[in-house]
C-alpha cells in the first residue's frame, strides 16, 4: 500500500489520506457496467490516462511481484 502501481489503487488511497481540509475524491462516476467503455474503465477519471488507455483495455501485468 505504500507504493501502489495501479492508478486506481493510488487514487483510492489518496482519498483515504487526511488532507488540507478538502475532502479528496476521484472525479467523475464509475462506468455503467451495462455499457462498458472500450478502453480502461478508469480512463475517464484517471489523471495518468493517455489515448491508448481510452482505446484499449489493459491486460494485467506483473510489477514488483504483483499483478496490476
PDB file of N, CA and C in Angstrom:
ATOM      1  N   UNK A   1       0.803  -1.198   0.000  1.00  0.00           N
ATOM      2  CA  UNK A   1       0.000   0.000   0.000  1.00  0.00           C
ATOM      3  C   UNK A   1       0.850   1.269   0.000  1.00  0.00           C
ATOM      4  N   UNK A   2       2.127   1.124   0.297  1.00  0.00           N
ATOM      5  CA  UNK A   2       2.974   2.309   0.362  1.00  0.00           C
ATOM      6  C   UNK A   2       3.388   2.818  -1.010  1.00  0.00           C
ATOM      7  N   UNK A   3       3.350   1.960  -2.025  1.00  0.00           N
ATOM      8  CA  UNK A   3       3.710   2.411  -3.377  1.00  0.00           C
ATOM      9  C   UNK A   3       2.849   1.685  -4.410  1.00  0.00           C
ATOM     10  N   UNK A   4       1.566   2.064  -4.532  1.00  0.00           N
ATOM     11  CA  UNK A   4       0.677   1.376  -5.465  1.00  0.00           C
ATOM     12  C   UNK A   4       1.108   1.586  -6.915  1.00  0.00           C
ATOM     13  N   UNK A   5       1.069   0.519  -7.705  1.00  0.00           N
ATOM     14  CA  UNK A   5       1.448   0.586  -9.110  1.00  0.00           C
ATOM     15  C   UNK A   5       0.248   0.901  -9.999  1.00  0.00           C
ATOM     16  N   UNK A   6      -0.944   0.615  -9.521  1.00  0.00           N
ATOM     17  CA  UNK A   6      -2.152   0.833 -10.310  1.00  0.00           C
ATOM     18  C   UNK A   6      -2.719   2.220 -10.018  1.00  0.00           C
ATOM     19  N   UNK A   7      -3.010   3.037 -11.052  1.00  0.00           N
ATOM     20  CA  UNK A   7      -3.528   4.391 -10.817  1.00  0.00           C
ATOM     21  C   UNK A   7      -4.833   4.426 -10.016  1.00  0.00           C
ATOM     22  N   UNK A   8      -5.718   3.434 -10.212  1.00  0.00           N
ATOM     23  CA  UNK A   8      -6.970   3.421  -9.470  1.00  0.00           C
ATOM     24  C   UNK A   8      -6.710   3.184  -7.983  1.00  0.00           C
ATOM     25  N   UNK A   9      -5.809   2.247  -7.682  1.00  0.00           N
ATOM     26  CA  UNK A   9      -5.458   1.989  -6.286  1.00  0.00           C
ATOM     27  C   UNK A   9      -4.840   3.232  -5.652  1.00  0.00           C
ATOM     28  N   UNK A  10      -3.953   3.905  -6.387  1.00  0.00           N
ATOM     29  CA  UNK A  10      -3.336   5.129  -5.875  1.00  0.00           C
ATOM     30  C   UNK A  10      -4.396   6.192  -5.590  1.00  0.00           C
ATOM     31  N   UNK A  11      -5.371   6.338  -6.481  1.00  0.00           N
ATOM     32  CA  UNK A  11      -6.424   7.333  -6.286  1.00  0.00           C
ATOM     33  C   UNK A  11      -7.285   6.986  -5.071  1.00  0.00           C
ATOM     34  N   UNK A  12      -7.599   5.704  -4.886  1.00  0.00           N
ATOM     35  CA  UNK A  12      -8.376   5.305  -3.712  1.00  0.00           C
ATOM     36  C   UNK A  12      -7.615   5.592  -2.428  1.00  0.00           C
ATOM     37  N   UNK A  13      -6.328   5.295  -2.419  1.00  0.00           N
ATOM     38  CA  UNK A  13      -5.530   5.558  -1.222  1.00  0.00           C
ATOM     39  C   UNK A  13      -5.416   7.053  -0.950  1.00  0.00           C
ATOM     40  N   UNK A  14      -5.325   7.856  -1.998  1.00  0.00           N
ATOM     41  CA  UNK A  14      -5.290   9.317  -1.818  1.00  0.00           C
ATOM     42  C   UNK A  14      -6.553   9.814  -1.132  1.00  0.00           C
ATOM     43  N   UNK A  15      -7.686   9.185  -1.429  1.00  0.00           N
ATOM     44  CA  UNK A  15      -8.955   9.590  -0.815  1.00  0.00           C
ATOM     45  C   UNK A  15      -8.999   9.257   0.672  1.00  0.00           C
ATOM     46  N   UNK A  16      -8.213   8.276   1.087  1.00  0.00           N
ATOM     47  CA  UNK A  16      -8.225   7.853   2.486  1.00  0.00           C
ATOM     48  C   UNK A  16      -7.267   8.662   3.348  1.00  0.00           C
ATOM     49  N   UNK A  17      -6.382   9.422   2.733  1.00  0.00           N
ATOM     50  CA  UNK A  17      -5.388  10.204   3.476  1.00  0.00           C
ATOM     51  C   UNK A  17      -5.994  11.530   3.932  1.00  0.00           C
ATOM     52  N   UNK A  18      -5.730  11.928   5.171  1.00  0.00           N
ATOM     53  CA  UNK A  18      -6.203  13.243   5.584  1.00  0.00           C
ATOM     54  C   UNK A  18      -5.481  14.329   4.789  1.00  0.00           C
ATOM     55  N   UNK A  19      -6.220  15.288   4.330  1.00  0.00           N
ATOM     56  CA  UNK A  19      -5.636  16.340   3.504  1.00  0.00           C
ATOM     57  C   UNK A  19      -5.574  17.672   4.219  1.00  0.00           C
ATOM     58  N   UNK A  20      -5.641  18.739   3.434  1.00  0.00           N
ATOM     59  CA  UNK A  20      -5.529  20.097   3.969  1.00  0.00           C
ATOM     60  C   UNK A  20      -6.893  20.693   4.309  1.00  0.00           C
ATOM     61  N   UNK A  21      -7.850  19.847   4.599  1.00  0.00           N
ATOM     62  CA  UNK A  21      -9.186  20.334   4.912  1.00  0.00           C
ATOM     63  C   UNK A  21     -10.192  20.008   3.828  1.00  0.00           C
ATOM     64  N   UNK A  22      -9.726  19.895   2.569  1.00  0.00           N
ATOM     65  CA  UNK A  22     -10.615  19.493   1.483  1.00  0.00           C
ATOM     66  C   UNK A  22     -10.705  17.975   1.471  1.00  0.00           C
ATOM     67  N   UNK A  23     -11.897  17.478   1.233  1.00  0.00           N
ATOM     68  CA  UNK A  23     -12.074  16.036   1.152  1.00  0.00           C
ATOM     69  C   UNK A  23     -11.649  15.572  -0.234  1.00  0.00           C
ATOM     70  N   UNK A  24     -10.592  14.747  -0.325  1.00  0.00           N
ATOM     71  CA  UNK A  24     -10.158  14.279  -1.646  1.00  0.00           C
ATOM     72  C   UNK A  24     -11.171  13.295  -2.225  1.00  0.00           C
ATOM     73  N   UNK A  25     -11.294  13.296  -3.536  1.00  0.00           N
ATOM     74  CA  UNK A  25     -12.216  12.379  -4.189  1.00  0.00           C
ATOM     75  C   UNK A  25     -11.716  12.080  -5.590  1.00  0.00           C
ATOM     76  N   UNK A  26     -12.249  11.012  -6.157  1.00  0.00           N
ATOM     77  CA  UNK A  26     -11.966  10.653  -7.544  1.00  0.00           C
ATOM     78  C   UNK A  26     -13.071  11.300  -8.369  1.00  0.00           C
ATOM     79  N   UNK A  27     -12.727  12.192  -9.294  1.00  0.00           N
ATOM     80  CA  UNK A  27     -13.762  12.885 -10.059  1.00  0.00           C
ATOM     81  C   UNK A  27     -14.520  11.935 -10.990  1.00  0.00           C
ATOM     82  N   UNK A  28     -15.701  12.358 -11.379  1.00  0.00           N
ATOM     83  CA  UNK A  28     -16.500  11.579 -12.328  1.00  0.00           C
ATOM     84  C   UNK A  28     -17.278  10.475 -11.659  1.00  0.00           C
ATOM     85  N   UNK A  29     -17.779   9.577 -12.479  1.00  0.00           N
ATOM     86  CA  UNK A  29     -18.590   8.468 -11.997  1.00  0.00           C
ATOM     87  C   UNK A  29     -18.043   7.171 -12.533  1.00  0.00           C
ATOM     88  N   UNK A  30     -18.272   6.102 -11.810  1.00  0.00           N
ATOM     89  CA  UNK A  30     -17.902   4.774 -12.294  1.00  0.00           C
ATOM     90  C   UNK A  30     -18.738   4.475 -13.539  1.00  0.00           C
ATOM     91  N   UNK A  31     -18.186   3.733 -14.504  1.00  0.00           N
ATOM     92  CA  UNK A  31     -18.935   3.450 -15.721  1.00  0.00           C
ATOM     93  C   UNK A  31     -20.122   2.522 -15.461  1.00  0.00           C
ATOM     94  N   UNK A  32     -21.134   2.659 -16.279  1.00  0.00           N
ATOM     95  CA  UNK A  32     -22.290   1.769 -16.232  1.00  0.00           C
ATOM     96  C   UNK A  32     -21.827   0.402 -16.730  1.00  0.00           C
ATOM     97  N   UNK A  33     -21.949  -0.614 -15.902  1.00  0.00           N
ATOM     98  CA  UNK A  33     -21.464  -1.939 -16.287  1.00  0.00           C
ATOM     99  C   UNK A  33     -22.280  -2.561 -17.414  1.00  0.00           C
ATOM    100  N   UNK A  34     -23.443  -1.992 -17.705  1.00  0.00           N
ATOM    101  CA  UNK A  34     -24.234  -2.486 -18.838  1.00  0.00           C
ATOM    102  C   UNK A  34     -23.707  -1.925 -20.153  1.00  0.00           C
ATOM    103  N   UNK A  35     -22.922  -0.844 -20.093  1.00  0.00           N
ATOM    104  CA  UNK A  35     -22.357  -0.201 -21.294  1.00  0.00           C
ATOM    105  C   UNK A  35     -20.888   0.094 -21.023  1.00  0.00           C
ATOM    106  N   UNK A  36     -20.094  -0.955 -20.953  1.00  0.00           N
ATOM    107  CA  UNK A  36     -18.684  -0.797 -20.607  1.00  0.00           C
ATOM    108  C   UNK A  36     -17.936  -0.037 -21.693  1.00  0.00           C
ATOM    109  N   UNK A  37     -17.028   0.848 -21.302  1.00  0.00           N
ATOM    110  CA  UNK A  37     -16.236   1.578 -22.294  1.00  0.00           C
ATOM    111  C   UNK A  37     -15.274   0.636 -23.019  1.00  0.00           C
ATOM    112  N   UNK A  38     -14.791   1.060 -24.175  1.00  0.00           N
ATOM    113  CA  UNK A  38     -13.905   0.207 -24.956  1.00  0.00           C
ATOM    114  C   UNK A  38     -12.522   0.089 -24.330  1.00  0.00           C
ATOM    115  N   UNK A  39     -12.057   1.101 -23.661  1.00  0.00           N
ATOM    116  CA  UNK A  39     -10.730   1.076 -23.060  1.00  0.00           C
ATOM    117  C   UNK A  39     -10.784   0.744 -21.590  1.00  0.00           C
ATOM    118  N   UNK A  40      -9.853   1.278 -20.867  1.00  0.00           N
ATOM    119  CA  UNK A  40      -9.796   1.078 -19.419  1.00  0.00           C
ATOM    120  C   UNK A  40     -11.009   1.746 -18.779  1.00  0.00           C
ATOM    121  N   UNK A  41     -11.728   1.043 -17.914  1.00  0.00           N
ATOM    122  CA  UNK A  41     -12.909   1.633 -17.296  1.00  0.00           C
ATOM    123  C   UNK A  41     -12.596   2.844 -16.410  1.00  0.00           C
ATOM    124  N   UNK A  42     -11.358   2.967 -15.961  1.00  0.00           N
ATOM    125  CA  UNK A  42     -10.975   4.083 -15.097  1.00  0.00           C
ATOM    126  C   UNK A  42     -10.431   5.270 -15.898  1.00  0.00           C
ATOM    127  N   UNK A  43     -10.185   5.105 -17.188  1.00  0.00           N
ATOM    128  CA  UNK A  43      -9.547   6.150 -18.011  1.00  0.00           C
ATOM    129  C   UNK A  43     -10.230   7.514 -17.933  1.00  0.00           C
ATOM    130  N   UNK A  44     -11.566   7.616 -17.976  1.00  0.00           N
ATOM    131  CA  UNK A  44     -12.179   8.952 -17.925  1.00  0.00           C
ATOM    132  C   UNK A  44     -11.906   9.706 -16.625  1.00  0.00           C
ATOM    133  N   UNK A  45     -11.528   8.977 -15.571  1.00  0.00           N
ATOM    134  CA  UNK A  45     -11.307   9.612 -14.274  1.00  0.00           C
ATOM    135  C   UNK A  45      -9.850   9.570 -13.833  1.00  0.00           C
ATOM    136  N   UNK A  46      -8.957   9.075 -14.684  1.00  0.00           N
ATOM    137  CA  UNK A  46      -7.558   8.881 -14.324  1.00  0.00           C
ATOM    138  C   UNK A  46      -6.695  10.044 -14.795  1.00  0.00           C
ATOM    139  N   UNK A  47      -5.892  10.587 -13.892  1.00  0.00           N
ATOM    140  CA  UNK A  47      -5.017  11.708 -14.254  1.00  0.00           C
ATOM    141  C   UNK A  47      -3.840  11.256 -15.122  1.00  0.00           C
ATOM    142  N   UNK A  48      -3.567   9.959 -15.171  1.00  0.00           N
ATOM    143  CA  UNK A  48      -2.460   9.427 -15.962  1.00  0.00           C
ATOM    144  C   UNK A  48      -2.924   8.837 -17.302  1.00  0.00           C
ATOM    145  N   UNK A  49      -4.205   8.901 -17.606  1.00  0.00           N
ATOM    146  CA  UNK A  49      -4.739   8.270 -18.820  1.00  0.00           C
ATOM    147  C   UNK A  49      -4.189   8.914 -20.088  1.00  0.00           C
ATOM    148  N   UNK A  50      -3.930   8.065 -21.074  1.00  0.00           N
ATOM    149  CA  UNK A  50      -3.483   8.505 -22.396  1.00  0.00           C
ATOM    150  C   UNK A  50      -4.490   8.002 -23.424  1.00  0.00           C
ATOM    151  N   UNK A  51      -4.289   8.371 -24.678  1.00  0.00           N
ATOM    152  CA  UNK A  51      -5.192   7.915 -25.738  1.00  0.00           C
ATOM    153  C   UNK A  51      -5.281   6.396 -25.771  1.00  0.00           C
ATOM    154  N   UNK A  52      -4.159   5.736 -25.554  1.00  0.00           N
ATOM    155  CA  UNK A  52      -4.145   4.268 -25.561  1.00  0.00           C
ATOM    156  C   UNK A  52      -5.067   3.708 -24.477  1.00  0.00           C
ATOM    157  N   UNK A  53      -5.108   4.352 -23.338  1.00  0.00           N
ATOM    158  CA  UNK A  53      -5.960   3.891 -22.237  1.00  0.00           C
ATOM    159  C   UNK A  53      -7.438   3.954 -22.620  1.00  0.00           C
ATOM    160  N   UNK A  54      -7.798   4.955 -23.395  1.00  0.00           N
ATOM    161  CA  UNK A  54      -9.199   5.120 -23.798  1.00  0.00           C
ATOM    162  C   UNK A  54      -9.586   4.168 -24.923  1.00  0.00           C
ATOM    163  N   UNK A  55      -8.600   3.652 -25.654  1.00  0.00           N
ATOM    164  CA  UNK A  55      -8.873   2.786 -26.806  1.00  0.00           C
ATOM    165  C   UNK A  55      -8.768   1.294 -26.482  1.00  0.00           C
ATOM    166  N   UNK A  56      -7.790   0.919 -25.669  1.00  0.00           N
ATOM    167  CA  UNK A  56      -7.519  -0.497 -25.408  1.00  0.00           C
ATOM    168  C   UNK A  56      -7.704  -0.827 -23.942  1.00  0.00           C
ATOM    169  N   UNK A  57      -8.341  -1.953 -23.685  1.00  0.00           N
ATOM    170  CA  UNK A  57      -8.491  -2.429 -22.310  1.00  0.00           C
ATOM    171  C   UNK A  57      -7.154  -3.044 -21.892  1.00  0.00           C
ATOM    172  N   UNK A  58      -6.584  -2.589 -20.784  1.00  0.00           N
ATOM    173  CA  UNK A  58      -5.271  -3.111 -20.385  1.00  0.00           C
ATOM    174  C   UNK A  58      -5.353  -4.549 -19.890  1.00  0.00           C
ATOM    175  N   UNK A  59      -4.320  -5.302 -20.201  1.00  0.00           N
ATOM    176  CA  UNK A  59      -4.185  -6.658 -19.677  1.00  0.00           C
ATOM    177  C   UNK A  59      -3.416  -6.565 -18.361  1.00  0.00           C
ATOM    178  N   UNK A  60      -3.750  -7.400 -17.387  1.00  0.00           N
ATOM    179  CA  UNK A  60      -2.959  -7.399 -16.147  1.00  0.00           C
ATOM    180  C   UNK A  60      -1.506  -7.717 -16.457  1.00  0.00           C
ATOM    181  N   UNK A  61      -0.607  -7.058 -15.734  1.00  0.00           N
ATOM    182  CA  UNK A  61       0.820  -7.319 -15.920  1.00  0.00           C
ATOM    183  C   UNK A  61       1.477  -7.420 -14.550  1.00  0.00           C
ATOM    184  N   UNK A  62       2.624  -8.036 -14.520  1.00  0.00           N
ATOM    185  CA  UNK A  62       3.351  -8.190 -13.276  1.00  0.00           C
ATOM    186  C   UNK A  62       4.228  -6.970 -13.029  1.00  0.00           C
ATOM    187  N   UNK A  63       4.178  -6.445 -11.819  1.00  0.00           N
ATOM    188  CA  UNK A  63       5.005  -5.308 -11.425  1.00  0.00           C
ATOM    189  C   UNK A  63       5.414  -5.511  -9.978  1.00  0.00           C
ATOM    190  N   UNK A  64       6.690  -5.653  -9.737  1.00  0.00           N
ATOM    191  CA  UNK A  64       7.213  -5.856  -8.381  1.00  0.00           C
ATOM    192  C   UNK A  64       6.562  -7.040  -7.701  1.00  0.00           C
ATOM    193  N   UNK A  65       6.344  -8.124  -8.465  1.00  0.00           N
ATOM    194  CA  UNK A  65       5.774  -9.340  -7.910  1.00  0.00           C
ATOM    195  C   UNK A  65       4.269  -9.308  -7.710  1.00  0.00           C
ATOM    196  N   UNK A  66       3.595  -8.274  -8.247  1.00  0.00           N
ATOM    197  CA  UNK A  66       2.135  -8.164  -8.115  1.00  0.00           C
ATOM    198  C   UNK A  66       1.509  -8.024  -9.486  1.00  0.00           C
ATOM    199  N   UNK A  67       0.278  -8.423  -9.618  1.00  0.00           N
ATOM    200  CA  UNK A  67      -0.469  -8.157 -10.850  1.00  0.00           C
ATOM    201  C   UNK A  67      -1.118  -6.799 -10.724  1.00  0.00           C
ATOM    202  N   UNK A  68      -0.920  -5.958 -11.733  1.00  0.00           N
ATOM    203  CA  UNK A  68      -1.519  -4.626 -11.734  1.00  0.00           C
ATOM    204  C   UNK A  68      -2.257  -4.404 -13.039  1.00  0.00           C
TER     205      UNK A  68
END
